[in-house]
Protein backbone atom coordinates (compact mmCIF):
# COMPACT_ATOMS: atom_id res chain seq x y z
CA MET A 1 138.69 104.21 81.72
CA PRO A 2 137.48 106.81 84.79
CA ARG A 3 135.30 109.89 83.77
CA ILE A 4 134.98 113.13 85.23
CA ARG A 5 131.43 113.63 86.96
CA THR A 6 129.49 116.25 89.25
CA VAL A 7 128.67 115.75 92.48
CA LYS A 8 125.81 118.11 93.63
CA PRO A 9 126.37 120.09 96.99
CA ASP A 10 122.91 118.42 98.75
CA TYR A 11 124.54 114.77 97.80
CA PRO A 12 125.21 114.03 101.49
CA LYS A 13 121.81 114.82 102.51
CA HIS A 14 119.85 112.76 100.37
CA ARG A 15 117.74 110.53 102.27
CA LYS A 16 118.93 107.41 100.09
CA VAL A 17 122.33 108.24 100.83
CA ARG A 18 121.94 108.90 104.46
CA SER A 19 120.78 105.62 104.91
CA VAL A 20 124.24 103.73 103.89
CA THR A 21 127.56 103.79 105.80
CA ARG A 22 130.63 106.11 104.92
CA ASP A 23 132.45 103.72 102.97
CA ALA A 24 129.13 103.21 100.60
CA ARG A 25 128.37 106.89 100.27
CA LEU A 26 132.14 107.15 98.66
CA LEU A 27 132.27 103.96 96.63
CA ASN A 28 128.44 105.11 95.24
CA ILE A 29 130.47 108.39 93.93
CA HIS A 30 133.16 106.75 92.68
CA LEU A 31 130.98 104.60 90.64
CA TRP A 32 130.17 107.37 88.41
CA ASN A 33 133.45 108.15 87.88
CA LEU A 34 133.85 104.33 86.18
CA ALA A 35 130.33 104.39 84.60
CA ASP A 36 129.87 104.83 80.75
CA ASP A 37 127.84 107.65 79.59
CA GLU A 38 124.77 106.17 80.52
CA GLY A 39 125.78 105.13 84.03
CA ARG A 40 126.52 100.92 83.44
CA LEU A 41 129.59 99.30 84.65
CA GLN A 42 130.79 95.95 84.90
CA GLU A 43 130.63 94.87 88.26
CA LEU A 44 134.15 93.21 88.53
CA PRO A 45 135.57 93.26 91.79
CA GLN A 46 139.28 93.72 91.58
CA TRP A 47 139.12 96.41 89.12
CA ILE A 48 136.74 98.97 90.90
CA ILE A 49 139.08 98.03 94.12
CA GLY A 50 141.86 99.16 92.30
CA GLU A 51 140.71 102.09 90.87
CA VAL A 52 138.81 103.40 93.88
CA PHE A 53 140.70 102.16 97.14
CA PRO A 54 144.49 101.48 95.25
CA THR A 55 146.11 102.00 98.70
CA ASP A 56 143.47 100.45 101.09
CA GLU A 57 144.68 97.05 101.92
CA ASP A 58 141.90 96.26 103.83
CA VAL A 59 139.12 96.85 100.95
CA THR A 60 138.73 93.52 99.84
CA PRO A 61 136.14 91.72 97.25
CA VAL A 62 133.88 90.51 100.27
CA ARG A 63 133.70 94.03 101.70
CA LEU A 64 133.49 95.81 98.28
CA ARG A 65 130.32 93.78 97.53
CA GLU A 66 129.08 94.50 101.25
CA TRP A 67 129.08 98.00 100.05
CA LEU A 68 127.38 97.21 96.97
CA SER A 69 124.42 95.13 98.56
CA GLU A 70 123.78 98.45 100.87
CA LEU A 71 124.00 100.86 97.45
CA GLU A 72 121.53 98.13 96.10
CA ASN A 73 119.03 97.91 98.79
CA ALA A 74 119.03 101.63 98.82
CA ARG A 75 117.84 101.78 95.74
CA CYS A 76 121.43 103.84 95.05
CA ILE A 77 122.27 101.19 92.10
CA VAL A 78 121.11 98.05 90.52
CA ARG A 79 122.77 95.43 90.16
CA TYR A 80 122.02 92.74 87.20
CA GLU A 81 123.52 89.81 85.06
CA VAL A 82 123.08 89.57 81.55
CA ASP A 83 124.47 86.33 79.65
CA GLY A 84 126.72 85.13 82.54
CA GLU A 85 128.56 88.42 83.56
CA ARG A 86 127.76 91.07 85.94
CA TYR A 87 126.60 94.84 85.91
CA ILE A 88 126.27 97.54 87.58
CA GLU A 89 123.60 100.30 86.51
CA CYS A 90 123.49 103.79 88.57
CA HIS A 91 120.02 104.88 89.29
CA GLY A 92 119.03 107.91 87.92
CA PHE A 93 122.34 108.83 86.22
CA THR A 94 121.09 110.32 83.24
CA GLU A 95 119.01 112.63 85.35
CA HIS A 96 121.65 114.25 87.27
CA GLN A 97 124.72 113.82 85.30
CA VAL A 98 125.18 116.26 82.29
CA ILE A 99 127.11 114.90 79.60
CA ASN A 100 128.27 116.60 76.26
CA LYS A 101 128.78 114.09 73.05
CA ALA A 102 127.43 111.20 75.52
CA LYS A 103 128.82 107.90 73.75
CA GLU A 104 126.01 105.02 73.42
CA SER A 105 126.27 102.24 76.20
CA GLU A 106 127.91 98.83 74.77
CA ILE A 107 126.31 97.37 78.09
CA PRO A 108 122.82 95.83 77.65
CA PRO A 109 120.43 98.17 80.12
CA SER A 110 118.94 96.23 83.36
CA SER A 111 116.09 95.48 81.52
CA ALA A 112 117.50 93.19 79.48
CA GLY A 113 119.19 91.49 82.64
CA ASN A 114 118.03 88.97 85.09
CA ALA A 115 118.01 88.37 89.25
CA TRP A 116 120.53 86.27 90.60
CA SER A 117 119.53 83.03 91.28
CA GLY A 118 119.67 82.44 94.89
CA ASN A 119 120.01 78.85 94.45
CA THR A 120 122.67 78.73 91.80
CA PRO A 121 125.90 81.43 92.59
CA VAL A 122 127.83 82.97 90.00
CA ALA A 123 131.25 82.95 89.45
CA VAL A 124 132.29 86.58 89.42
CA PRO A 125 135.70 87.73 86.75
CA ASP A 126 137.81 87.91 89.46
CA GLY A 127 137.26 84.26 90.59
CA SER A 128 134.98 84.54 93.43
CA LEU A 129 131.89 83.51 94.45
CA PRO A 130 129.14 86.20 95.42
CA GLU A 131 126.89 85.89 98.86
CA ARG A 132 123.43 85.90 97.86
CA GLU A 133 122.23 89.24 99.30
CA GLY A 134 118.52 88.94 100.32
CA LYS A 135 116.18 86.05 99.69
CA GLY A 136 114.31 85.27 96.54
CA ASN A 137 113.53 82.76 93.50
CA GLY A 138 115.43 84.90 90.91
CA SER A 139 111.64 86.20 89.89
CA GLY A 140 112.05 89.59 91.96
CA LYS A 141 109.36 88.95 94.37
CA GLY A 142 111.21 88.61 97.36
CA ASN A 143 112.17 91.18 99.47
CA GLY A 144 112.89 93.70 96.96
CA THR A 145 116.66 93.57 97.07
CA SER A 146 117.09 92.70 93.15
CA GLY A 147 117.52 96.50 91.65
CA ILE A 148 115.71 95.56 88.23
CA ASP A 149 112.55 94.83 89.56
CA ILE A 150 112.48 98.06 91.43
CA PRO A 151 111.07 101.23 89.36
CA ASP A 152 111.15 105.09 89.95
CA SER A 153 109.16 105.71 92.58
CA PRO A 154 108.83 109.69 92.70
CA LEU A 155 105.43 109.70 94.80
CA SER A 156 107.18 107.03 97.42
CA ASP A 157 110.54 109.23 97.57
CA LEU A 158 108.06 112.05 98.51
CA LEU A 159 105.94 111.00 100.64
CA ALA A 160 109.19 109.42 103.04
CA ASP A 161 110.67 112.26 102.70
CA LEU A 162 107.88 114.36 103.79
CA ILE A 163 107.31 111.97 106.77
CA GLU A 164 110.92 112.22 107.81
CA GLU A 165 110.24 116.17 107.89
CA ASN A 166 107.53 115.36 110.52
CA THR A 167 108.57 112.66 112.57
CA GLY A 168 112.50 112.69 112.24
CA LYS A 169 112.76 109.25 110.91
CA CYS A 170 113.47 108.02 107.94
CA PRO A 171 111.33 105.29 106.85
CA GLN A 172 112.48 102.69 104.45
CA VAL A 173 110.90 102.61 101.15
CA GLY A 174 110.75 99.21 100.42
CA LYS A 175 109.12 96.59 97.74
CA GLY A 176 105.86 97.19 99.82
CA TRP A 177 106.08 100.93 98.66
CA VAL A 178 106.71 100.22 95.24
CA ASP A 179 104.24 98.49 94.49
CA ALA A 180 101.72 100.23 96.75
CA GLU A 181 102.51 103.49 94.25
CA ARG A 182 102.40 101.16 90.71
CA LEU A 183 98.79 100.06 92.05
CA LEU A 184 97.95 103.53 92.34
CA LEU A 185 98.66 104.85 89.37
CA ASP A 186 98.09 101.70 87.08
CA ARG A 187 95.02 99.56 88.93
CA ASP A 188 93.26 102.42 90.59
CA GLY A 189 93.90 104.93 87.55
CA ARG A 190 94.88 108.02 89.92
CA ASP A 191 96.50 111.03 88.06
CA ALA A 192 100.49 111.26 89.33
CA ASP A 193 100.11 115.10 89.78
CA GLU A 194 97.05 114.43 91.47
CA ALA A 195 98.50 112.04 93.71
CA GLU A 196 101.75 114.24 94.55
CA ARG A 197 99.08 117.33 95.76
CA LEU A 198 97.20 115.00 98.02
CA ILE A 199 100.59 113.77 99.53
CA ARG A 200 101.80 117.24 100.40
CA TRP A 201 98.16 118.15 101.72
CA CYS A 202 97.89 115.13 104.21
CA GLN A 203 101.58 115.54 105.31
CA ARG A 204 100.96 119.10 106.11
CA ASP A 205 97.35 118.27 108.08
CA GLU A 206 97.74 117.36 111.56
CA PHE A 207 95.76 114.76 111.86
CA TRP A 208 96.98 113.09 108.21
CA ARG A 209 100.11 113.50 109.06
CA ALA A 210 100.25 111.15 112.10
CA ASN A 211 98.09 108.41 110.49
CA VAL A 212 99.43 108.31 106.95
CA LEU A 213 102.88 107.12 107.60
CA SER A 214 103.59 104.87 104.10
CA MET A 215 102.62 104.41 100.62
CA PRO A 216 100.07 101.45 101.26
CA LYS A 217 98.17 103.41 103.79
CA PHE A 218 98.00 105.92 101.46
CA ARG A 219 96.64 104.29 98.46
CA GLU A 220 94.01 103.13 101.14
CA LYS A 221 92.68 105.95 102.60
CA TYR A 222 92.90 107.95 99.10
CA ASP A 223 89.71 108.61 98.63
CA GLN A 224 88.82 109.39 102.24
CA LEU A 225 91.49 111.77 102.00
CA LEU A 226 90.71 113.24 98.48
CA LEU A 227 87.15 114.30 99.72
CA THR A 228 88.27 115.83 103.04
CA ALA A 229 90.95 117.99 101.34
CA LYS A 230 87.74 119.06 98.71
CA ARG A 231 86.09 119.83 101.60
CA ARG A 232 88.44 122.41 103.24
CA LYS A 233 89.10 123.77 99.91
CA LYS A 234 85.43 124.21 99.53
CA GLY A 235 85.05 125.43 103.08
CA ALA A 236 88.26 128.10 102.98
CA GLN A 237 86.60 129.54 99.64
CA ALA A 238 83.60 129.88 101.07
CA GLY A 239 84.77 131.62 104.13
CA MET A 240 87.23 133.90 101.52
CA ASP A 241 83.40 135.15 100.40
CA ASN A 242 81.83 135.75 103.13
CA ALA A 243 85.10 137.71 104.38
CA GLU A 244 85.15 139.52 100.92
CA ARG A 245 81.13 140.19 101.20
CA LEU A 246 81.47 141.47 104.89
CA ALA A 247 84.42 144.05 104.09
CA GLN A 248 82.26 145.04 100.99
CA MET A 249 79.48 145.76 103.21
CA ALA A 250 81.84 147.16 105.66
CA ARG A 251 83.29 149.42 103.04
CA GLN A 252 79.75 150.40 101.76
CA ALA A 253 78.53 151.55 105.16
CA ARG A 254 81.33 153.68 105.50
CA ALA A 255 80.59 154.97 102.19
CA GLU A 256 77.32 155.94 102.96
CA GLU A 257 78.18 157.90 106.05
CA GLY A 258 80.63 159.71 104.38
CA ALA A 259 77.99 160.85 101.58
CA THR A 260 75.25 161.78 104.44
CA ALA A 261 77.69 163.84 106.73
C-alpha cells in the first residue's frame, strides 16, 4: 500500500536529482511512497507502473527500467537481487523521512543482496527480461553502476557540490571518486572532519580550486594541501598578532602624549 511521505523544498535543486531526466525525478519521489518504512520495495515493473503512471499508456516496463537505471547511476536508489527476487532500496531514505512507529521491513537489505549477473539475465515477475545496465561480472568491480557496491560518500558529494559552485559544471561522482574517498579514510587513516575542512579550504583557495577537481586528485594532494593550509593559517595568525602589537603601541603612544599634555 502506498504511504504518505515528505519532499523537501530543495529536492529539485539537489545535484543528484538534476542529473536525471524529469520522468526519473518524478518516479524517484513516488518510489518513496511505494517503499516500506525502511525505504525498500520489490522491483515489480507492472505494479510500479500501475501505481505511479496508471493513465500513461506510453510507460512500458522497458521505459520504466530506463528511468530506474538513471536513478541507480545517480545513486538515488540501489537495485539488487536476493534469492531470485529483485528489490529497490531508496538511498538515504531513513535520513530524510521522519516516520513515527516505523514497521520493520520484511524485505532484506541491499547489503544482503547480489549484483546482477551480466551474463545470465534474471526473469522479473512481469515475465519480461531486463536489459543489463552497464558492464561488470557481478563482483561490483565494473563501472560502479551496481548500487550495492557504492557506499555513502559525503566527502565526494561535498567536493562535487563545491566544484559545481565554482565552475558551474556538475562533476560525475563515480566509482573512482568513491574508491578514493574510502582509501583516504581507511587506508590513509585521514580524519573525516579534517578532510571536510580541507575540502572547503581548497575550494575557497584561488589556486587549488582550479587544480583539485576530483576526489582522486584531492587524495593525491592531501599532504600538500594540509601543509599549505597550516602555513597560511600560521601566517594569518602571525599577521594578526603583529597588527595587535602595532595597535597596542599606537594606544600606548597616544596615552603617553595625553599624559605629557
